[in-house]
Amino acid sequence: MAADLIITNIKTLYTPCFAPPVRGKDLSKISSIDQAFIAVKNERILDFGNHDFTKHIGEKTIIYSANNQIVIPGLIDSHTHLVHAGSREDEYGKILQGVPYLDILKSGGGILSTVERTRKASFDELLLQSQKSLDLMMIYGITVVEAKSGYGLELKTEVKQLDVVKRLTKTHPVHLLSTYMGAHAVPKELRDDKERYISQMMDDMKYIKKHDLATAVDVFCESSVFSLEETKRLLTHAKKLGYSIKLHADEMHSLGGVGLGIELGATSVDHLMKISDEDIERLSYSNTAANLLPGTSFNLNKDYAPARKMIDKNVILSISGDYNPGSCPTENFQLIMQLASNKLKMKPEEVLNATTINPAYHLGISKDFGSIEKGKFANLVIMNAPNLNYIFYHYGINHATDVFIKGKQVVKNQQIVREL
């Protein structure tokens, strides 16, 4: 069969080689093929390997050389706070002084300061800022993004955030999935009436579901934010409405969020810097993924999640960026991968599995994304590196030169490809 596109002259193709979820010793195993090609037809991978590809050449086939560079699957960031207004560099000095993140929130800063700006911002302002960040993510090799709301804390602005994501799904090549996170904090106006806000969120979930604005619900289960019982009420309600569920857990205090996530069938529990050995053990027997966010630990100067313990115990492990204006203001996903290797002590092969096939698994999209396989969408990243290890060794820069999403080139020589 003639291909639409054939990428040739690939020095080495690296891809996950197991069906998800990949865990334990398998996390360090990937497939590598030298002198490879990838053939694409109708957005999907038709063939790949190092055998003869000439049978796939037709009159209209585009032949694209990787110039003896390596290729990996499109990266997946399964935890971001993409849509927001403004920035929070005014709080950076407090972070350097060691002021606790939750203390900044209590004083009206942190999430609440971004809420104030996001409520005031127009749809177009939010769209422009989000598109700019999404472009940067794509330049670094990200092809799928989960985007949370949570900077409105009332229906009008939460919907405005989710509408921005909905617009981007139609105008931007990156594949986007929306998560409703009204339970990101308690709004200032309801600080003394949290019960009213919880009831409001439960009603808002019905509206958001009816208008198909999100497929998942997330809750910040943390001391002085949402308790274990409050989190259970919200997520149980969300699950009954047909949402998939996930939660921020054990980021600053261990409240039992991991156990709750497992009990309720959460797709992932995220952060986990303060996870207990007992909960690691419980995760190891579950299908809930541990979604770790090393960029947040780096930026806040906090402990890193015990990734090696989790891997040794057979936990499903995923790595995400947590792009947000407060605790992780970077779109450089390759830096996140490098932190996972250097600070979480993960092997390059483990990081590749944890940023491709495993996030695809817990986002429910592994049929189409997460690895280089026949029939999957041709989401591919060409990287100017001699081998996979080099990406982690030479840190802080962008190794991605070209990016393809669904077989279409969207980045060339680290520049966005815009249609004329």
Foldseek 3Di string as FASTA:
>chain_A
DAFQEKEFLAQKEWWADDAPDQFFPSLLDIDIAGRKMFGHHQQFTADMGNDDPVVRHDPNYHYHYLNHFHKFFFFAFEAAALFWDDFPPVCLVVLVVVPDQVVCVVVCDDLNVRLVRLVPDDLVRRLVSSVVLVLLLVLLRHQEYEHEFQSNLALVSLLSRLVSQVVCCVVPRRHYAYEYESLPFHHPVCLVPVVVSLVRVLVSLLVCVVVVSHQEYEHEDDPNRADPVSVLVNRVSNVVSRHAYEYAALQPHHRCVLVSCQVSVHLEHEAQQRPDLVSLLVQQPGNHAYEHALQLCVSSVHGGHQLVSSRNSTHRYAYHHHCDRGRHPDSNVLQSLLCCCPRNVDDLSSSLQRGFQSSCVSVVNNQATRTRDGPHRRWMFGFRDNDSVVSNVDDDDRRTAWTDTSNHTQHHGSHGDDDD
